[in-house]
Amino acid sequence: MIATIQDHPDVVASFVGVLMLILGYFIRKVARKIDTHSEMITTIKGDLTLQFVTMRSNIKDDIVEAFNDICTERQGSCSRLQQAKLDTLTATHTAICAKLARLDEERRETWGVQRRWNDKIETTIYKDGGHK
């Protein structure tokens, strides 16, 4: 083989030149593919970052909304419970006031009867001259 190379150096040089061109062509193709893939990866990375930020923002909004809904629901429940307690207290106080009014009326009637008896006794005592 060395003898062939020595006999035809021009052919070997042109053959090596062609091989170098082919090798350069394939290296350039591989470099373009690497650049294309690098650009795609950069684009995908940017898109993923944007999607993650958007998802994080959406999740944050969903959590805030859920928290506010739960707070509103609990405040509503608390408000209804307080209103029920207030209604019970109001009804209890109304019943107590009605009972006190009845007792006061009964006391007035009893004292009215007692006064009539007192008046009769005083009339009898003063009429008999027991008072000096």
C-alpha atoms as a PDB file:
ATOM      1  CA  MET A   1       0.000   0.000   0.000  1.00  0.00           C
ATOM      2  CA  ILE A   2       2.882   2.360   0.738  1.00  0.00           C
ATOM      3  CA  ALA A   3       4.227   1.549  -2.711  1.00  0.00           C
ATOM      4  CA  THR A   4       0.897   2.562  -4.273  1.00  0.00           C
ATOM      5  CA  ILE A   5       0.908   5.824  -2.319  1.00  0.00           C
ATOM      6  CA  GLN A   6       4.461   6.511  -3.471  1.00  0.00           C
ATOM      7  CA  ASP A   7       3.577   5.718  -7.111  1.00  0.00           C
ATOM      8  CA  HIS A   8       0.462   7.913  -7.219  1.00  0.00           C
ATOM      9  CA  PRO A   9       0.848  10.778  -4.713  1.00  0.00           C
ATOM     10  CA  ASP A  10      -1.562  13.038  -6.673  1.00  0.00           C
ATOM     11  CA  VAL A  11      -4.369  10.461  -6.524  1.00  0.00           C
ATOM     12  CA  VAL A  12      -3.807   9.889  -2.813  1.00  0.00           C
ATOM     13  CA  ALA A  13      -3.738  13.649  -2.160  1.00  0.00           C
ATOM     14  CA  SER A  14      -6.972  14.158  -4.096  1.00  0.00           C
ATOM     15  CA  PHE A  15      -8.514  11.124  -2.354  1.00  0.00           C
ATOM     16  CA  VAL A  16      -7.473  12.511   1.061  1.00  0.00           C
ATOM     17  CA  GLY A  17      -8.869  15.913  -0.001  1.00  0.00           C
ATOM     18  CA  VAL A  18     -12.205  14.309  -0.956  1.00  0.00           C
ATOM     19  CA  LEU A  19     -12.253  12.427   2.342  1.00  0.00           C
ATOM     20  CA  MET A  20     -11.550  15.675   4.206  1.00  0.00           C
ATOM     21  CA  LEU A  21     -14.388  17.403   2.328  1.00  0.00           C
ATOM     22  CA  ILE A  22     -16.772  14.533   3.158  1.00  0.00           C
ATOM     23  CA  LEU A  23     -15.598  14.546   6.778  1.00  0.00           C
ATOM     24  CA  GLY A  24     -16.045  18.352   6.925  1.00  0.00           C
ATOM     25  CA  TYR A  25     -19.513  18.025   5.394  1.00  0.00           C
ATOM     26  CA  PHE A  26     -20.586  15.505   8.040  1.00  0.00           C
ATOM     27  CA  ILE A  27     -18.987  17.502  10.881  1.00  0.00           C
ATOM     28  CA  ARG A  28     -20.835  20.615   9.650  1.00  0.00           C
ATOM     29  CA  LYS A  29     -24.109  18.623   9.503  1.00  0.00           C
ATOM     30  CA  VAL A  30     -23.560  17.302  13.026  1.00  0.00           C
ATOM     31  CA  ALA A  31     -22.708  20.821  14.245  1.00  0.00           C
ATOM     32  CA  ARG A  32     -25.924  22.175  12.652  1.00  0.00           C
ATOM     33  CA  LYS A  33     -27.923  19.379  14.304  1.00  0.00           C
ATOM     34  CA  ILE A  34     -26.288  20.191  17.647  1.00  0.00           C
ATOM     35  CA  ASP A  35     -27.113  23.898  17.160  1.00  0.00           C
ATOM     36  CA  THR A  36     -30.704  23.043  16.151  1.00  0.00           C
ATOM     37  CA  HIS A  37     -31.097  20.751  19.144  1.00  0.00           C
ATOM     38  CA  SER A  38     -29.528  23.361  21.409  1.00  0.00           C
ATOM     39  CA  GLU A  39     -31.987  25.994  20.137  1.00  0.00           C
ATOM     40  CA  MET A  40     -34.891  23.569  20.609  1.00  0.00           C
ATOM     41  CA  ILE A  41     -33.727  22.744  24.122  1.00  0.00           C
ATOM     42  CA  THR A  42     -33.380  26.449  24.949  1.00  0.00           C
ATOM     43  CA  THR A  43     -36.875  27.110  23.555  1.00  0.00           C
ATOM     44  CA  ILE A  44     -38.337  24.172  25.468  1.00  0.00           C
ATOM     45  CA  LYS A  45     -36.545  25.286  28.621  1.00  0.00           C
ATOM     46  CA  GLY A  46     -38.014  28.778  28.244  1.00  0.00           C
ATOM     47  CA  ASP A  47     -41.470  27.363  27.560  1.00  0.00           C
ATOM     48  CA  LEU A  48     -41.237  25.055  30.573  1.00  0.00           C
ATOM     49  CA  THR A  49     -40.108  27.909  32.782  1.00  0.00           C
ATOM     50  CA  LEU A  50     -43.034  30.008  31.579  1.00  0.00           C
ATOM     51  CA  GLN A  51     -45.440  27.102  32.095  1.00  0.00           C
ATOM     52  CA  PHE A  52     -44.078  26.460  35.608  1.00  0.00           C
ATOM     53  CA  VAL A  53     -44.452  30.129  36.514  1.00  0.00           C
ATOM     54  CA  THR A  54     -47.988  30.151  35.107  1.00  0.00           C
ATOM     55  CA  MET A  55     -48.859  26.917  36.912  1.00  0.00           C
ATOM     56  CA  ARG A  56     -47.402  28.245  40.161  1.00  0.00           C
ATOM     57  CA  SER A  57     -49.430  31.430  39.771  1.00  0.00           C
ATOM     58  CA  ASN A  58     -52.581  29.429  38.986  1.00  0.00           C
ATOM     59  CA  ILE A  59     -51.993  27.127  41.957  1.00  0.00           C
ATOM     60  CA  LYS A  60     -51.417  30.148  44.186  1.00  0.00           C
ATOM     61  CA  ASP A  61     -54.653  31.738  42.939  1.00  0.00           C
ATOM     62  CA  ASP A  62     -56.532  28.457  43.476  1.00  0.00           C
ATOM     63  CA  ILE A  63     -55.168  28.130  47.019  1.00  0.00           C
ATOM     64  CA  VAL A  64     -56.089  31.736  47.839  1.00  0.00           C
ATOM     65  CA  GLU A  65     -59.578  31.205  46.401  1.00  0.00           C
ATOM     66  CA  ALA A  66     -60.051  27.960  48.350  1.00  0.00           C
ATOM     67  CA  PHE A  67     -58.805  29.644  51.537  1.00  0.00           C
ATOM     68  CA  ASN A  68     -61.170  32.574  51.052  1.00  0.00           C
ATOM     69  CA  ASP A  69     -64.078  30.208  50.334  1.00  0.00           C
ATOM     70  CA  ILE A  70     -63.343  28.232  53.503  1.00  0.00           C
ATOM     71  CA  CYS A  71     -63.027  31.440  55.546  1.00  0.00           C
ATOM     72  CA  THR A  72     -66.284  32.777  54.129  1.00  0.00           C
ATOM     73  CA  GLU A  73     -68.028  29.480  54.845  1.00  0.00           C
ATOM     74  CA  ARG A  74     -66.698  29.379  58.395  1.00  0.00           C
ATOM     75  CA  GLN A  75     -67.580  33.018  58.987  1.00  0.00           C
ATOM     76  CA  GLY A  76     -71.073  32.294  57.691  1.00  0.00           C
ATOM     77  CA  SER A  77     -71.360  29.300  60.016  1.00  0.00           C
ATOM     78  CA  CYS A  78     -70.033  31.354  62.908  1.00  0.00           C
ATOM     79  CA  SER A  79     -72.438  34.165  62.067  1.00  0.00           C
ATOM     80  CA  ARG A  80     -75.378  31.724  61.940  1.00  0.00           C
ATOM     81  CA  LEU A  81     -74.284  30.201  65.249  1.00  0.00           C
ATOM     82  CA  GLN A  82     -74.025  33.649  66.869  1.00  0.00           C
ATOM     83  CA  GLN A  83     -77.442  34.575  65.444  1.00  0.00           C
ATOM     84  CA  ALA A  84     -78.929  31.339  66.814  1.00  0.00           C
ATOM     85  CA  LYS A  85     -77.430  32.092  70.246  1.00  0.00           C
ATOM     86  CA  LEU A  86     -78.753  35.652  70.073  1.00  0.00           C
ATOM     87  CA  ASP A  87     -82.214  34.405  69.076  1.00  0.00           C
ATOM     88  CA  THR A  88     -82.171  31.933  71.987  1.00  0.00           C
ATOM     89  CA  LEU A  89     -81.139  34.683  74.412  1.00  0.00           C
ATOM     90  CA  THR A  90     -83.812  36.992  73.034  1.00  0.00           C
ATOM     91  CA  ALA A  91     -86.488  34.304  73.399  1.00  0.00           C
ATOM     92  CA  THR A  92     -85.284  33.483  76.920  1.00  0.00           C
ATOM     93  CA  HIS A  93     -85.330  37.146  77.945  1.00  0.00           C
ATOM     94  CA  THR A  94     -88.772  37.597  76.400  1.00  0.00           C
ATOM     95  CA  ALA A  95     -90.060  34.597  78.378  1.00  0.00           C
ATOM     96  CA  ILE A  96     -88.451  35.912  81.589  1.00  0.00           C
ATOM     97  CA  CYS A  97     -89.953  39.368  81.030  1.00  0.00           C
ATOM     98  CA  ALA A  98     -93.381  37.832  80.390  1.00  0.00           C
ATOM     99  CA  LYS A  99     -93.099  35.780  83.609  1.00  0.00           C
ATOM    100  CA  LEU A 100     -92.017  38.865  85.569  1.00  0.00           C
ATOM    101  CA  ALA A 101     -94.973  40.778  84.127  1.00  0.00           C
ATOM    102  CA  ARG A 102     -97.327  37.956  85.204  1.00  0.00           C
ATOM    103  CA  LEU A 103     -95.790  37.867  88.681  1.00  0.00           C
ATOM    104  CA  ASP A 104     -96.084  41.649  88.942  1.00  0.00           C
ATOM    105  CA  GLU A 105     -99.742  41.459  87.891  1.00  0.00           C
ATOM    106  CA  GLU A 106    -100.378  38.671  90.420  1.00  0.00           C
ATOM    107  CA  ARG A 107     -98.633  40.747  93.103  1.00  0.00           C
ATOM    108  CA  ARG A 108    -100.815  43.754  92.244  1.00  0.00           C
ATOM    109  CA  GLU A 109    -103.951  41.630  92.414  1.00  0.00           C
ATOM    110  CA  THR A 110    -102.839  40.112  95.739  1.00  0.00           C
ATOM    111  CA  TRP A 111    -101.999  43.545  97.160  1.00  0.00           C
ATOM    112  CA  GLY A 112    -105.280  44.830  95.797  1.00  0.00           C
ATOM    113  CA  VAL A 113    -107.117  42.139  97.758  1.00  0.00           C
ATOM    114  CA  GLN A 114    -104.928  42.864 100.799  1.00  0.00           C
ATOM    115  CA  ARG A 115    -105.718  46.601 100.560  1.00  0.00           C
ATOM    116  CA  ARG A 116    -109.423  45.891 100.419  1.00  0.00           C
ATOM    117  CA  TRP A 117    -109.097  43.795 103.582  1.00  0.00           C
ATOM    118  CA  ASN A 118    -106.984  46.515 105.189  1.00  0.00           C
ATOM    119  CA  ASP A 119    -109.578  49.108 104.239  1.00  0.00           C
ATOM    120  CA  LYS A 120    -112.356  46.979 105.751  1.00  0.00           C
ATOM    121  CA  ILE A 121    -110.353  46.486 108.941  1.00  0.00           C
ATOM    122  CA  GLU A 122    -109.530  50.205 109.189  1.00  0.00           C
ATOM    123  CA  THR A 123    -113.138  51.109 108.576  1.00  0.00           C
ATOM    124  CA  THR A 124    -114.226  48.712 111.300  1.00  0.00           C
ATOM    125  CA  ILE A 125    -111.569  49.948 113.736  1.00  0.00           C
ATOM    126  CA  TYR A 126    -112.257  53.642 113.102  1.00  0.00           C
ATOM    127  CA  LYS A 127    -115.975  53.096 113.185  1.00  0.00           C
ATOM    128  CA  ASP A 128    -115.790  51.406 116.577  1.00  0.00           C
ATOM    129  CA  GLY A 129    -113.686  54.285 117.852  1.00  0.00           C
ATOM    130  CA  GLY A 130    -110.629  52.232 118.492  1.00  0.00           C
ATOM    131  CA  HIS A 131    -108.431  54.992 117.229  1.00  0.00           C
ATOM    132  CA  LYS A 132    -107.658  57.860 119.480  1.00  0.00           C
END
